[in-house]
């Protein structure tokens, strides 16, 4: 069974919102000029590109993808090996944007991620994202049983 777990917008919350604004502007301008297709493409790329992970428990493999335009997944399947493990760690990402008035706007995003670790205990790819620690631990236990690997 394949499942998909979404993660983050590729260009952060500010880049995503700006891309959506450019996309909507392109839709409105398309009525007046066909050159607005350039705005549509640029806005769709920045506004809708995101990342996520496909988990195939049937064939025991995972795939981290960057979804261009929100539709085209780019990534490579990784086969699960018995010496791999699953762990949970806290992730804090800070997105910084600068305004024209020279002000800094920081947006912090704190969550817990279930990650796939290699034989050397280094993180390979994230598998699941949750706002709460107990939910991430429950999902890590489910994934370790479904994929047949240990939990770290």
N, C-alpha and C. Protein backbone atom coordinates (compact mmCIF):
# COMPACT_ATOMS: atom_id res chain seq x y z
N UNK A 1 0.83 -1.17 0.00
CA UNK A 1 0.00 0.00 0.00
C UNK A 1 0.89 1.25 0.00
N UNK A 2 0.62 2.18 -0.88
CA UNK A 2 1.37 3.42 -0.97
C UNK A 2 0.62 4.52 -0.22
N UNK A 3 1.38 5.28 0.57
CA UNK A 3 0.82 6.45 1.24
C UNK A 3 1.72 7.64 0.94
N UNK A 4 1.15 8.82 1.00
CA UNK A 4 1.89 10.05 0.74
C UNK A 4 1.80 10.94 1.97
N UNK A 5 2.95 11.44 2.42
CA UNK A 5 3.01 12.35 3.56
C UNK A 5 3.60 13.68 3.10
N UNK A 6 2.81 14.75 3.07
CA UNK A 6 3.33 16.05 2.64
C UNK A 6 4.18 16.71 3.72
N UNK A 7 5.14 17.54 3.31
CA UNK A 7 6.00 18.23 4.25
C UNK A 7 5.87 19.74 4.11
N UNK A 8 6.76 20.37 3.39
CA UNK A 8 6.86 21.82 3.37
C UNK A 8 6.68 22.36 1.95
N UNK A 9 6.38 23.64 1.88
CA UNK A 9 6.43 24.35 0.62
C UNK A 9 7.90 24.57 0.28
N UNK A 10 8.27 24.43 -0.97
CA UNK A 10 9.68 24.52 -1.36
C UNK A 10 10.29 25.89 -1.11
N UNK A 11 9.53 26.94 -1.22
CA UNK A 11 10.06 28.29 -1.08
C UNK A 11 9.58 28.97 0.19
N UNK A 12 9.09 28.19 1.15
CA UNK A 12 8.64 28.72 2.42
C UNK A 12 7.29 29.38 2.33
N UNK A 13 6.77 29.83 3.46
CA UNK A 13 5.43 30.43 3.45
C UNK A 13 5.37 31.75 2.69
N UNK A 14 6.43 32.57 2.79
CA UNK A 14 6.42 33.87 2.10
C UNK A 14 6.53 33.68 0.59
N UNK A 15 7.45 32.81 0.16
CA UNK A 15 7.61 32.55 -1.28
C UNK A 15 6.37 31.91 -1.88
N UNK A 16 5.71 31.05 -1.11
CA UNK A 16 4.50 30.40 -1.59
C UNK A 16 3.37 31.42 -1.79
N UNK A 17 3.19 32.29 -0.80
CA UNK A 17 2.14 33.31 -0.91
C UNK A 17 2.42 34.29 -2.05
N UNK A 18 3.68 34.66 -2.21
CA UNK A 18 4.05 35.56 -3.31
C UNK A 18 3.80 34.88 -4.65
N UNK A 19 4.12 33.59 -4.74
CA UNK A 19 3.87 32.85 -5.98
C UNK A 19 2.40 32.75 -6.31
N UNK A 20 1.57 32.56 -5.30
CA UNK A 20 0.13 32.50 -5.54
C UNK A 20 -0.39 33.85 -6.01
N UNK A 21 0.13 34.93 -5.44
CA UNK A 21 -0.27 36.28 -5.88
C UNK A 21 0.13 36.50 -7.34
N UNK A 22 1.35 36.09 -7.72
CA UNK A 22 1.80 36.23 -9.10
C UNK A 22 0.94 35.36 -10.02
N UNK A 23 0.57 34.16 -9.57
CA UNK A 23 -0.27 33.26 -10.37
C UNK A 23 -1.65 33.88 -10.61
N UNK A 24 -2.26 34.42 -9.55
CA UNK A 24 -3.58 35.05 -9.70
C UNK A 24 -3.49 36.27 -10.60
N UNK A 25 -2.41 37.06 -10.47
CA UNK A 25 -2.20 38.20 -11.36
C UNK A 25 -2.09 37.75 -12.80
N UNK A 26 -1.40 36.62 -13.03
CA UNK A 26 -1.29 36.07 -14.38
C UNK A 26 -2.63 35.64 -14.94
N UNK A 27 -3.48 35.07 -14.08
CA UNK A 27 -4.83 34.67 -14.54
C UNK A 27 -5.63 35.90 -14.95
N UNK A 28 -5.57 36.96 -14.14
CA UNK A 28 -6.30 38.18 -14.46
C UNK A 28 -5.74 38.84 -15.72
N UNK A 29 -4.42 38.89 -15.84
CA UNK A 29 -3.79 39.54 -16.99
C UNK A 29 -3.93 38.72 -18.28
N UNK A 30 -4.21 37.44 -18.15
CA UNK A 30 -4.37 36.59 -19.34
C UNK A 30 -5.51 37.09 -20.22
N UNK A 31 -6.48 37.74 -19.62
CA UNK A 31 -7.59 38.30 -20.37
C UNK A 31 -7.12 39.43 -21.28
N UNK A 32 -6.08 40.15 -20.87
CA UNK A 32 -5.60 41.30 -21.62
C UNK A 32 -4.43 41.00 -22.56
N UNK A 33 -3.55 40.07 -22.14
CA UNK A 33 -2.35 39.79 -22.95
C UNK A 33 -1.94 38.34 -22.75
N UNK A 34 -1.58 37.70 -23.87
CA UNK A 34 -1.17 36.31 -23.79
C UNK A 34 0.22 36.14 -23.20
N UNK A 35 0.97 37.23 -23.10
CA UNK A 35 2.29 37.13 -22.48
C UNK A 35 2.19 36.89 -20.97
N UNK A 36 0.99 36.97 -20.41
CA UNK A 36 0.79 36.70 -18.99
C UNK A 36 0.98 35.22 -18.65
N UNK A 37 1.14 34.39 -19.68
CA UNK A 37 1.43 32.97 -19.44
C UNK A 37 2.74 32.83 -18.67
N UNK A 38 3.67 33.74 -18.88
CA UNK A 38 4.93 33.72 -18.14
C UNK A 38 4.66 33.91 -16.65
N UNK A 39 3.76 34.83 -16.31
CA UNK A 39 3.39 35.02 -14.90
C UNK A 39 2.71 33.78 -14.35
N UNK A 40 1.89 33.13 -15.15
CA UNK A 40 1.23 31.90 -14.70
C UNK A 40 2.24 30.82 -14.36
N UNK A 41 3.21 30.62 -15.23
CA UNK A 41 4.21 29.56 -15.02
C UNK A 41 5.08 29.88 -13.81
N UNK A 42 5.57 31.10 -13.71
CA UNK A 42 6.43 31.48 -12.58
C UNK A 42 5.64 31.41 -11.28
N UNK A 43 4.45 31.93 -11.27
CA UNK A 43 3.62 31.90 -10.06
C UNK A 43 3.26 30.48 -9.64
N UNK A 44 2.95 29.62 -10.60
CA UNK A 44 2.63 28.23 -10.27
C UNK A 44 3.85 27.51 -9.71
N UNK A 45 5.03 27.78 -10.26
CA UNK A 45 6.24 27.14 -9.77
C UNK A 45 6.54 27.54 -8.32
N UNK A 46 6.54 28.84 -8.03
CA UNK A 46 6.85 29.30 -6.68
C UNK A 46 5.70 29.06 -5.71
N UNK A 47 4.48 29.14 -6.16
CA UNK A 47 3.34 29.03 -5.26
C UNK A 47 2.93 27.62 -4.90
N UNK A 48 3.13 26.68 -5.80
CA UNK A 48 2.59 25.35 -5.57
C UNK A 48 3.64 24.25 -5.41
N UNK A 49 4.92 24.51 -5.63
CA UNK A 49 5.96 23.49 -5.46
C UNK A 49 6.08 23.13 -3.98
N UNK A 50 6.16 21.83 -3.70
CA UNK A 50 6.26 21.36 -2.32
C UNK A 50 7.06 20.07 -2.26
N UNK A 51 7.21 19.53 -1.07
CA UNK A 51 7.94 18.29 -0.89
C UNK A 51 7.11 17.31 -0.07
N UNK A 52 7.45 16.04 -0.19
CA UNK A 52 6.74 15.01 0.55
C UNK A 52 7.43 13.67 0.37
N UNK A 53 6.87 12.65 1.00
CA UNK A 53 7.44 11.31 0.94
C UNK A 53 6.36 10.30 0.61
N UNK A 54 6.67 9.42 -0.35
CA UNK A 54 5.82 8.27 -0.65
C UNK A 54 6.37 7.09 0.12
N UNK A 55 5.50 6.34 0.80
CA UNK A 55 5.90 5.15 1.55
C UNK A 55 5.15 3.97 0.97
N UNK A 56 5.88 3.00 0.44
CA UNK A 56 5.29 1.79 -0.14
C UNK A 56 5.60 0.63 0.80
N UNK A 57 4.63 0.29 1.66
CA UNK A 57 4.85 -0.77 2.64
C UNK A 57 4.81 -2.15 2.00
N UNK A 58 4.15 -2.30 0.87
CA UNK A 58 4.08 -3.60 0.20
C UNK A 58 5.43 -4.04 -0.35
N UNK A 59 6.14 -3.13 -1.00
CA UNK A 59 7.45 -3.46 -1.58
C UNK A 59 8.61 -2.98 -0.70
N UNK A 60 8.28 -2.42 0.47
CA UNK A 60 9.26 -1.95 1.45
C UNK A 60 10.28 -1.00 0.83
N UNK A 61 9.76 0.15 0.40
CA UNK A 61 10.61 1.19 -0.16
C UNK A 61 9.98 2.55 0.12
N UNK A 62 10.79 3.59 0.07
CA UNK A 62 10.34 4.96 0.32
C UNK A 62 10.92 5.87 -0.76
N UNK A 63 10.25 7.01 -0.97
CA UNK A 63 10.69 7.95 -2.00
C UNK A 63 10.40 9.37 -1.53
N UNK A 64 11.47 10.16 -1.35
CA UNK A 64 11.31 11.58 -1.04
C UNK A 64 11.18 12.33 -2.34
N UNK A 65 10.16 13.17 -2.47
CA UNK A 65 9.92 13.87 -3.72
C UNK A 65 9.85 15.38 -3.52
N UNK A 66 10.30 16.09 -4.53
CA UNK A 66 10.02 17.51 -4.68
C UNK A 66 9.02 17.60 -5.81
N UNK A 67 7.85 18.11 -5.52
CA UNK A 67 6.77 18.17 -6.50
C UNK A 67 6.79 19.52 -7.19
N UNK A 68 7.29 19.55 -8.42
CA UNK A 68 7.34 20.78 -9.20
C UNK A 68 5.93 21.16 -9.63
N UNK A 69 5.60 22.42 -9.45
CA UNK A 69 4.27 22.95 -9.74
C UNK A 69 3.19 22.25 -8.91
N UNK A 70 3.58 21.50 -7.89
CA UNK A 70 2.64 20.76 -7.07
C UNK A 70 2.12 19.50 -7.74
N UNK A 71 2.60 19.19 -8.95
CA UNK A 71 2.06 18.07 -9.72
C UNK A 71 3.10 17.04 -10.15
N UNK A 72 4.31 17.45 -10.46
CA UNK A 72 5.32 16.57 -11.05
C UNK A 72 6.30 16.11 -9.97
N UNK A 73 6.19 14.85 -9.49
CA UNK A 73 7.10 14.39 -8.44
C UNK A 73 8.47 14.03 -9.01
N UNK A 74 9.52 14.56 -8.37
CA UNK A 74 10.90 14.27 -8.75
C UNK A 74 11.57 13.61 -7.54
N UNK A 75 12.04 12.39 -7.69
CA UNK A 75 12.69 11.70 -6.59
C UNK A 75 13.07 10.29 -6.98
N UNK A 76 13.73 9.59 -6.07
CA UNK A 76 14.22 8.25 -6.34
C UNK A 76 13.79 7.31 -5.22
N UNK A 77 13.36 6.09 -5.59
CA UNK A 77 12.95 5.10 -4.60
C UNK A 77 14.17 4.56 -3.88
N UNK A 78 14.04 4.39 -2.57
CA UNK A 78 15.09 3.79 -1.73
C UNK A 78 14.51 2.52 -1.12
N UNK A 79 15.17 1.39 -1.34
CA UNK A 79 14.73 0.13 -0.76
C UNK A 79 15.11 0.08 0.72
N UNK A 80 14.18 -0.44 1.53
CA UNK A 80 14.42 -0.57 2.96
C UNK A 80 15.26 -1.81 3.21
N UNK A 81 16.35 -1.65 3.97
CA UNK A 81 17.23 -2.75 4.32
C UNK A 81 17.04 -3.07 5.80
N UNK A 82 17.31 -4.31 6.21
CA UNK A 82 17.07 -4.70 7.61
C UNK A 82 17.92 -3.93 8.63
N UNK A 83 19.06 -3.39 8.23
CA UNK A 83 19.91 -2.68 9.19
C UNK A 83 19.54 -1.21 9.34
N UNK A 84 18.51 -0.74 8.67
CA UNK A 84 18.02 0.63 8.82
C UNK A 84 17.13 0.71 10.06
N UNK A 85 16.90 1.93 10.53
CA UNK A 85 16.03 2.12 11.68
C UNK A 85 15.20 3.39 11.49
N UNK A 86 14.22 3.54 12.37
CA UNK A 86 13.33 4.70 12.32
C UNK A 86 13.47 5.45 13.64
N UNK A 87 13.55 6.77 13.56
CA UNK A 87 13.66 7.60 14.75
C UNK A 87 12.76 8.83 14.65
N UNK A 88 12.61 9.53 15.77
CA UNK A 88 11.81 10.74 15.83
C UNK A 88 12.71 11.87 16.31
N UNK A 89 12.67 13.00 15.64
CA UNK A 89 13.42 14.16 16.12
C UNK A 89 12.61 15.43 15.91
N UNK A 90 12.96 16.44 16.69
CA UNK A 90 12.28 17.72 16.61
C UNK A 90 12.92 18.56 15.52
N UNK A 91 12.10 19.22 14.73
CA UNK A 91 12.58 20.06 13.65
C UNK A 91 12.08 21.49 13.87
N UNK A 92 13.01 22.42 13.83
CA UNK A 92 12.66 23.84 13.92
C UNK A 92 13.22 24.52 12.68
N UNK A 93 12.33 25.06 11.87
CA UNK A 93 12.75 25.78 10.66
C UNK A 93 12.29 27.23 10.80
N UNK A 94 13.18 28.12 10.45
CA UNK A 94 12.85 29.54 10.51
C UNK A 94 12.97 30.11 9.11
N UNK A 95 11.89 30.73 8.66
CA UNK A 95 11.86 31.37 7.35
C UNK A 95 12.00 32.86 7.57
N UNK A 96 12.92 33.48 6.86
CA UNK A 96 13.20 34.90 7.04
C UNK A 96 12.88 35.65 5.75
N UNK A 97 12.16 36.75 5.89
CA UNK A 97 11.84 37.60 4.75
C UNK A 97 12.17 39.05 5.11
N UNK A 98 12.64 39.80 4.14
CA UNK A 98 12.98 41.20 4.33
C UNK A 98 11.99 42.05 3.54
N UNK A 99 11.46 43.07 4.19
CA UNK A 99 10.51 43.95 3.51
C UNK A 99 11.24 45.13 2.91
N UNK A 100 10.51 45.91 2.11
CA UNK A 100 11.10 47.09 1.48
C UNK A 100 11.47 48.15 2.51
N UNK A 101 10.81 48.13 3.65
CA UNK A 101 11.12 49.12 4.69
C UNK A 101 12.25 48.63 5.60
N UNK A 102 13.00 47.64 5.12
CA UNK A 102 14.18 47.13 5.80
C UNK A 102 13.84 46.48 7.14
N UNK A 103 12.68 45.85 7.21
CA UNK A 103 12.30 45.12 8.40
C UNK A 103 12.44 43.63 8.14
N UNK A 104 12.79 42.89 9.18
CA UNK A 104 12.96 41.45 9.07
C UNK A 104 11.73 40.76 9.66
N UNK A 105 11.17 39.82 8.89
CA UNK A 105 10.02 39.04 9.35
C UNK A 105 10.44 37.58 9.42
N UNK A 106 10.47 37.03 10.64
CA UNK A 106 10.82 35.63 10.84
C UNK A 106 9.56 34.82 11.11
N UNK A 107 9.44 33.68 10.45
CA UNK A 107 8.34 32.76 10.67
C UNK A 107 8.93 31.43 11.09
N UNK A 108 8.67 31.02 12.33
CA UNK A 108 9.21 29.76 12.84
C UNK A 108 8.19 28.65 12.64
N UNK A 109 8.69 27.49 12.27
CA UNK A 109 7.86 26.31 12.06
C UNK A 109 8.48 25.16 12.87
N UNK A 110 7.81 24.77 13.95
CA UNK A 110 8.34 23.73 14.83
C UNK A 110 7.44 22.50 14.73
N UNK A 111 8.05 21.35 14.49
CA UNK A 111 7.29 20.10 14.42
C UNK A 111 8.20 18.93 14.75
N UNK A 112 7.62 17.74 14.73
CA UNK A 112 8.36 16.50 14.97
C UNK A 112 8.31 15.66 13.71
N UNK A 113 9.46 15.08 13.36
CA UNK A 113 9.55 14.31 12.12
C UNK A 113 10.01 12.89 12.42
N UNK A 114 9.34 11.95 11.77
CA UNK A 114 9.77 10.56 11.80
C UNK A 114 10.74 10.41 10.64
N UNK A 115 11.97 9.96 10.93
CA UNK A 115 13.00 9.89 9.90
C UNK A 115 13.51 8.46 9.75
N UNK A 116 13.96 8.16 8.54
CA UNK A 116 14.59 6.88 8.24
C UNK A 116 16.10 7.06 8.41
N UNK A 117 16.69 6.21 9.25
CA UNK A 117 18.13 6.26 9.51
C UNK A 117 18.81 5.11 8.81
N UNK A 118 20.02 5.35 8.32
CA UNK A 118 20.80 4.31 7.66
C UNK A 118 21.49 3.41 8.68
N UNK A 119 22.32 2.51 8.18
CA UNK A 119 23.05 1.59 9.05
C UNK A 119 24.02 2.34 9.95
N UNK A 120 24.53 3.49 9.49
CA UNK A 120 25.46 4.29 10.28
C UNK A 120 24.75 5.30 11.18
N UNK A 121 23.44 5.15 11.36
CA UNK A 121 22.59 5.99 12.21
C UNK A 121 22.46 7.43 11.73
N UNK A 122 22.80 7.71 10.48
CA UNK A 122 22.61 9.04 9.91
C UNK A 122 21.23 9.09 9.25
N UNK A 123 20.62 10.26 9.32
CA UNK A 123 19.29 10.43 8.73
C UNK A 123 19.37 10.35 7.21
N UNK A 124 18.46 9.57 6.62
CA UNK A 124 18.42 9.47 5.16
C UNK A 124 17.33 10.40 4.62
N UNK A 125 16.08 10.14 5.02
CA UNK A 125 14.96 10.99 4.58
C UNK A 125 13.90 11.06 5.67
N UNK A 126 13.12 12.15 5.70
CA UNK A 126 11.99 12.20 6.63
C UNK A 126 10.82 11.39 6.05
N UNK A 127 10.06 10.75 6.94
CA UNK A 127 8.94 9.93 6.50
C UNK A 127 7.58 10.52 6.86
N UNK A 128 7.50 11.22 7.98
CA UNK A 128 6.21 11.70 8.47
C UNK A 128 6.45 12.97 9.26
N UNK A 129 5.46 13.85 9.26
CA UNK A 129 5.54 15.13 9.97
C UNK A 129 4.32 15.27 10.86
N UNK A 130 4.54 15.70 12.12
CA UNK A 130 3.44 15.89 13.05
C UNK A 130 3.73 17.08 13.96
N UNK A 131 2.69 17.74 14.41
CA UNK A 131 2.84 18.86 15.33
C UNK A 131 3.03 18.38 16.76
N UNK A 132 2.59 17.14 17.06
CA UNK A 132 2.65 16.62 18.42
C UNK A 132 3.61 15.43 18.50
N UNK A 133 4.36 15.37 19.58
CA UNK A 133 5.36 14.33 19.77
C UNK A 133 4.74 12.94 19.89
N UNK A 134 3.66 12.82 20.65
CA UNK A 134 3.07 11.49 20.84
C UNK A 134 2.51 10.92 19.54
N UNK A 135 1.98 11.77 18.69
CA UNK A 135 1.48 11.31 17.39
C UNK A 135 2.63 10.83 16.50
N UNK A 136 3.77 11.54 16.56
CA UNK A 136 4.94 11.14 15.78
C UNK A 136 5.49 9.81 16.28
N UNK A 137 5.49 9.60 17.59
CA UNK A 137 5.97 8.33 18.14
C UNK A 137 5.06 7.17 17.77
N UNK A 138 3.76 7.39 17.77
CA UNK A 138 2.82 6.34 17.37
C UNK A 138 3.02 6.00 15.90
N UNK A 139 3.19 7.01 15.06
CA UNK A 139 3.41 6.77 13.63
C UNK A 139 4.74 6.08 13.38
N UNK A 140 5.76 6.41 14.16
CA UNK A 140 7.06 5.75 14.02
C UNK A 140 6.94 4.27 14.35
N UNK A 141 6.17 3.94 15.37
CA UNK A 141 5.96 2.54 15.74
C UNK A 141 5.20 1.79 14.64
N UNK A 142 4.18 2.42 14.08
CA UNK A 142 3.42 1.80 12.98
C UNK A 142 4.31 1.56 11.77
N UNK A 143 5.12 2.56 11.41
CA UNK A 143 6.00 2.43 10.24
C UNK A 143 7.08 1.38 10.46
N UNK A 144 7.62 1.31 11.67
CA UNK A 144 8.66 0.31 11.92
C UNK A 144 8.09 -1.10 11.82
N UNK A 145 6.87 -1.31 12.25
CA UNK A 145 6.23 -2.62 12.11
C UNK A 145 5.88 -2.91 10.65
N UNK A 146 5.37 -1.91 9.95
CA UNK A 146 4.96 -2.12 8.56
C UNK A 146 6.15 -2.36 7.64
N UNK A 147 7.28 -1.70 7.92
CA UNK A 147 8.46 -1.84 7.07
C UNK A 147 9.41 -2.93 7.57
N UNK A 148 9.16 -3.45 8.75
CA UNK A 148 9.97 -4.54 9.29
C UNK A 148 11.38 -4.13 9.71
N UNK A 149 11.50 -2.93 10.27
CA UNK A 149 12.82 -2.46 10.74
C UNK A 149 12.69 -1.99 12.18
N UNK A 150 13.82 -1.85 12.85
CA UNK A 150 13.81 -1.48 14.27
C UNK A 150 13.57 0.01 14.45
N UNK A 151 13.23 0.35 15.68
CA UNK A 151 13.01 1.75 16.02
C UNK A 151 14.14 2.21 16.92
N UNK A 152 14.70 3.35 16.61
CA UNK A 152 15.82 3.88 17.39
C UNK A 152 15.34 4.86 18.41
